[in-house]
């Protein structure tokens, strides 16, 4: 039996701070009024993800509900809550989303990111979608992923993957894919296995 990594999703219980995994992707967090409450929201690539994302958030004590979006995109959001203010303080500079300094990615964070905004690509790798509206978050997340042992390439406008989902981090190669699978753990219920990171071995990854 493989030794459980200290950084894997199964190494510790989930906690509210793990909702930052949603902010690594297209999630947004905003404070209201004097800043005593905050709301978390995320636009999903497809509606089929919503049940699993809601269940993962509920495990942290946070309730996400479907919300109407002007363009009809599947969207989840919380109510304005006092207990989200700390997360908002960490992830914003002024009114703009920003990755906290020295941000560390671990299994629970990556698991939520994959749930909300991850998918396998056509070449045996895995894509973690980035926030297209806040490009300043992209390079810090490249650095965080590299520190976590899954050094990614950044998908840009010249890449085919961009046409399918916009900017993303692409993890590929046997060693990095194996590390990603160890970190995120097995696919949760109601998430197709094809949408979850999978390690095929050195000849397949």
Protein backbone atom coordinates (compact mmCIF):
# COMPACT_ATOMS: atom_id res chain seq x y z
CA UNK A 1 0.00 0.00 0.00
CA UNK A 2 1.34 3.43 -0.96
CA UNK A 3 2.13 5.79 1.84
CA UNK A 4 -0.41 8.58 2.19
CA UNK A 5 1.09 11.95 1.32
CA UNK A 6 0.88 14.58 4.04
CA UNK A 7 -0.43 16.95 1.36
CA UNK A 8 -3.10 14.68 -0.17
CA UNK A 9 -6.83 15.33 0.01
CA UNK A 10 -7.26 12.35 2.34
CA UNK A 11 -4.58 13.39 4.84
CA UNK A 12 -6.80 15.76 6.83
CA UNK A 13 -10.44 16.86 7.13
CA UNK A 14 -11.60 19.62 4.82
CA UNK A 15 -11.83 23.12 6.25
CA UNK A 16 -13.35 26.42 5.23
CA UNK A 17 -10.02 27.74 3.92
CA UNK A 18 -10.04 24.96 1.29
CA UNK A 19 -12.72 26.93 -0.58
CA UNK A 20 -9.74 28.86 -1.92
CA UNK A 21 -9.57 25.99 -4.41
CA UNK A 22 -12.60 27.54 -6.11
CA UNK A 23 -10.82 30.89 -6.24
CA UNK A 24 -7.84 29.32 -8.00
CA UNK A 25 -10.23 28.80 -10.88
CA UNK A 26 -13.00 31.17 -11.97
CA UNK A 27 -14.47 31.65 -8.49
CA UNK A 28 -15.00 35.15 -7.12
CA UNK A 29 -15.28 36.51 -3.60
CA UNK A 30 -16.58 39.96 -2.68
CA UNK A 31 -17.16 41.78 0.58
CA UNK A 32 -20.37 43.70 1.19
CA UNK A 33 -20.79 47.21 2.54
CA UNK A 34 -18.37 47.84 5.39
CA UNK A 35 -16.74 44.47 4.76
CA UNK A 36 -18.29 42.56 7.64
CA UNK A 37 -19.70 39.88 5.32
CA UNK A 38 -18.56 38.31 2.07
CA UNK A 39 -20.03 36.20 -0.73
CA UNK A 40 -18.35 33.43 -2.74
CA UNK A 41 -19.56 32.62 -6.25
CA UNK A 42 -18.37 30.51 -9.16
CA UNK A 43 -19.41 29.97 -12.77
CA UNK A 44 -19.04 26.30 -13.68
CA UNK A 45 -18.01 24.92 -17.08
CA UNK A 46 -21.09 22.68 -17.01
CA UNK A 47 -24.11 22.16 -14.78
CA UNK A 48 -23.28 18.49 -14.09
CA UNK A 49 -20.56 19.59 -11.67
CA UNK A 50 -22.92 21.51 -9.40
CA UNK A 51 -23.99 18.65 -7.05
CA UNK A 52 -20.42 17.57 -6.30
CA UNK A 53 -19.20 21.15 -5.83
CA UNK A 54 -22.10 21.91 -3.50
CA UNK A 55 -21.42 18.75 -1.50
CA UNK A 56 -17.72 19.63 -1.17
CA UNK A 57 -18.57 23.13 0.04
CA UNK A 58 -21.14 21.77 2.48
CA UNK A 59 -18.42 19.61 4.04
CA UNK A 60 -16.65 22.86 4.99
CA UNK A 61 -19.83 24.26 6.53
CA UNK A 62 -20.64 26.56 3.60
CA UNK A 63 -23.82 26.34 1.54
CA UNK A 64 -23.66 27.08 -2.18
CA UNK A 65 -26.92 27.61 -4.04
CA UNK A 66 -27.74 27.86 -7.77
CA UNK A 67 -27.90 31.44 -8.99
CA UNK A 68 -29.18 33.06 -12.15
CA UNK A 69 -26.53 34.38 -14.53
CA UNK A 70 -27.25 36.84 -17.32
CA UNK A 71 -25.72 34.57 -19.94
CA UNK A 72 -27.36 31.45 -18.53
CA UNK A 73 -24.06 29.88 -17.41
CA UNK A 74 -24.37 27.47 -14.45
CA UNK A 75 -23.51 29.48 -11.36
CA UNK A 76 -23.30 28.76 -7.64
CA UNK A 77 -23.02 31.30 -4.85
CA UNK A 78 -23.29 31.66 -1.10
CA UNK A 79 -25.24 34.16 0.93
CA UNK A 80 -23.25 37.05 2.38
CA UNK A 81 -21.59 35.49 5.43
CA UNK A 82 -19.38 36.68 8.27
CA UNK A 83 -17.28 33.52 8.17
CA UNK A 84 -16.12 34.19 4.60
CA UNK A 85 -14.56 37.56 5.42
CA UNK A 86 -11.18 36.06 6.30
CA UNK A 87 -11.01 34.27 2.95
CA UNK A 88 -11.99 37.49 1.18
CA UNK A 89 -9.27 39.42 2.99
CA UNK A 90 -6.65 36.88 1.91
CA UNK A 91 -7.78 36.72 -1.71
CA UNK A 92 -8.36 40.37 -2.58
CA UNK A 93 -6.27 43.46 -3.02
CA UNK A 94 -8.66 46.38 -3.10
CA UNK A 95 -11.59 45.11 -5.14
CA UNK A 96 -9.50 42.70 -7.28
CA UNK A 97 -8.97 39.00 -6.71
CA UNK A 98 -5.33 38.21 -5.95
CA UNK A 99 -3.44 35.08 -4.92
CA UNK A 100 -2.09 35.40 -1.36
CA UNK A 101 1.65 35.79 -1.00
CA UNK A 102 3.46 32.46 -0.50
CA UNK A 103 0.26 30.55 -1.33
CA UNK A 104 0.62 26.77 -0.93
CA UNK A 105 -1.44 24.24 -2.87
CA UNK A 106 -2.26 20.91 -1.24
CA UNK A 107 -4.64 18.03 -1.92
CA UNK A 108 -7.89 19.48 -0.53
CA UNK A 109 -7.38 22.76 -2.40
CA UNK A 110 -6.55 20.98 -5.64
CA UNK A 111 -9.51 18.64 -5.20
CA UNK A 112 -11.94 21.56 -5.07
CA UNK A 113 -10.21 23.24 -8.00
CA UNK A 114 -10.50 20.05 -10.05
CA UNK A 115 -14.14 19.55 -9.05
CA UNK A 116 -15.14 23.03 -10.16
CA UNK A 117 -12.84 23.69 -13.09
CA UNK A 118 -10.75 20.68 -14.10
CA UNK A 119 -10.89 18.29 -17.02
CA UNK A 120 -8.75 15.78 -18.85
CA UNK A 121 -7.25 16.93 -22.12
CA UNK A 122 -6.86 15.05 -25.38
CA UNK A 123 -3.21 14.14 -24.79
CA UNK A 124 -3.42 12.32 -21.46
CA UNK A 125 -2.79 15.39 -19.33
CA UNK A 126 -5.10 17.42 -17.14
CA UNK A 127 -6.31 21.02 -17.29
CA UNK A 128 -7.12 23.28 -14.36
CA UNK A 129 -9.03 26.29 -15.66
CA UNK A 130 -7.88 29.74 -14.56
CA UNK A 131 -9.86 32.94 -14.10
CA UNK A 132 -9.95 34.62 -17.53
CA UNK A 133 -10.93 37.95 -15.97
CA UNK A 134 -7.98 38.16 -13.54
CA UNK A 135 -4.80 37.29 -15.46
CA UNK A 136 -2.72 38.56 -12.55
CA UNK A 137 -3.59 35.36 -10.68
CA UNK A 138 -2.14 33.06 -13.34
CA UNK A 139 1.61 33.28 -12.71
CA UNK A 140 1.32 32.98 -8.90
CA UNK A 141 -0.73 29.82 -9.42
CA UNK A 142 1.89 28.43 -11.81
CA UNK A 143 4.43 28.99 -9.04
CA UNK A 144 2.20 27.39 -6.40
CA UNK A 145 1.58 24.34 -8.58
CA UNK A 146 5.30 24.01 -9.21
CA UNK A 147 6.00 24.07 -5.46
CA UNK A 148 3.37 21.33 -5.06
CA UNK A 149 5.29 19.07 -7.45
CA UNK A 150 2.99 19.35 -10.48
CA UNK A 151 4.91 21.90 -12.57
CA UNK A 152 2.38 23.02 -15.20
CA UNK A 153 2.43 24.70 -18.57
CA UNK A 154 0.16 27.68 -19.01
CA UNK A 155 -2.39 27.32 -21.82
CA UNK A 156 -2.43 30.45 -23.97
CA UNK A 157 -4.40 31.78 -26.96
CA UNK A 158 -2.24 29.85 -29.43
CA UNK A 159 -3.17 26.49 -27.83
CA UNK A 160 -6.13 24.36 -28.87
CA UNK A 161 -7.17 23.94 -25.24
CA UNK A 162 -7.76 27.71 -25.01
CA UNK A 163 -10.52 27.43 -27.63
CA UNK A 164 -12.30 24.85 -25.49
CA UNK A 165 -12.15 26.59 -22.14
CA UNK A 166 -9.87 29.62 -22.00
CA UNK A 167 -6.70 29.98 -19.91
CA UNK A 168 -5.64 26.98 -17.88
CA UNK A 169 -2.76 25.18 -16.26
CA UNK A 170 -1.88 21.97 -18.06
CA UNK A 171 -0.29 19.16 -16.07
CA UNK A 172 1.31 16.43 -18.14
CA UNK A 173 4.00 13.78 -17.92
CA UNK A 174 4.02 10.57 -15.91
CA UNK A 175 5.63 11.90 -12.74
CA UNK A 176 3.50 15.04 -12.51
CA UNK A 177 0.26 13.20 -13.30
CA UNK A 178 1.04 10.58 -10.67
CA UNK A 179 1.67 13.35 -8.15
CA UNK A 180 -1.60 15.10 -9.07
CA UNK A 181 -3.60 11.88 -8.67
CA UNK A 182 -2.01 11.28 -5.27
CA UNK A 183 -2.92 14.80 -4.17
CA UNK A 184 -6.55 15.00 -5.31
CA UNK A 185 -7.56 11.46 -4.34
CA UNK A 186 -10.23 9.29 -6.01
CA UNK A 187 -13.09 10.86 -7.99
CA UNK A 188 -16.08 11.79 -5.82
CA UNK A 189 -19.55 10.47 -6.47
CA UNK A 190 -21.43 12.02 -9.37
CA UNK A 191 -18.24 13.11 -11.12
CA UNK A 192 -17.45 11.18 -14.33
CA UNK A 193 -14.12 9.36 -14.08
CA UNK A 194 -13.15 10.84 -17.45
CA UNK A 195 -13.27 14.34 -15.94
CA UNK A 196 -10.94 13.44 -13.07
CA UNK A 197 -7.13 13.22 -13.12
CA UNK A 198 -5.92 9.75 -13.97
CA UNK A 199 -2.42 8.31 -14.01
CA UNK A 200 -1.91 5.92 -16.91
CA UNK A 201 1.69 5.00 -16.19
CA UNK A 202 4.83 6.07 -17.98
CA UNK A 203 3.69 4.81 -21.37
CA UNK A 204 0.29 6.49 -21.21
CA UNK A 205 0.92 9.85 -19.49
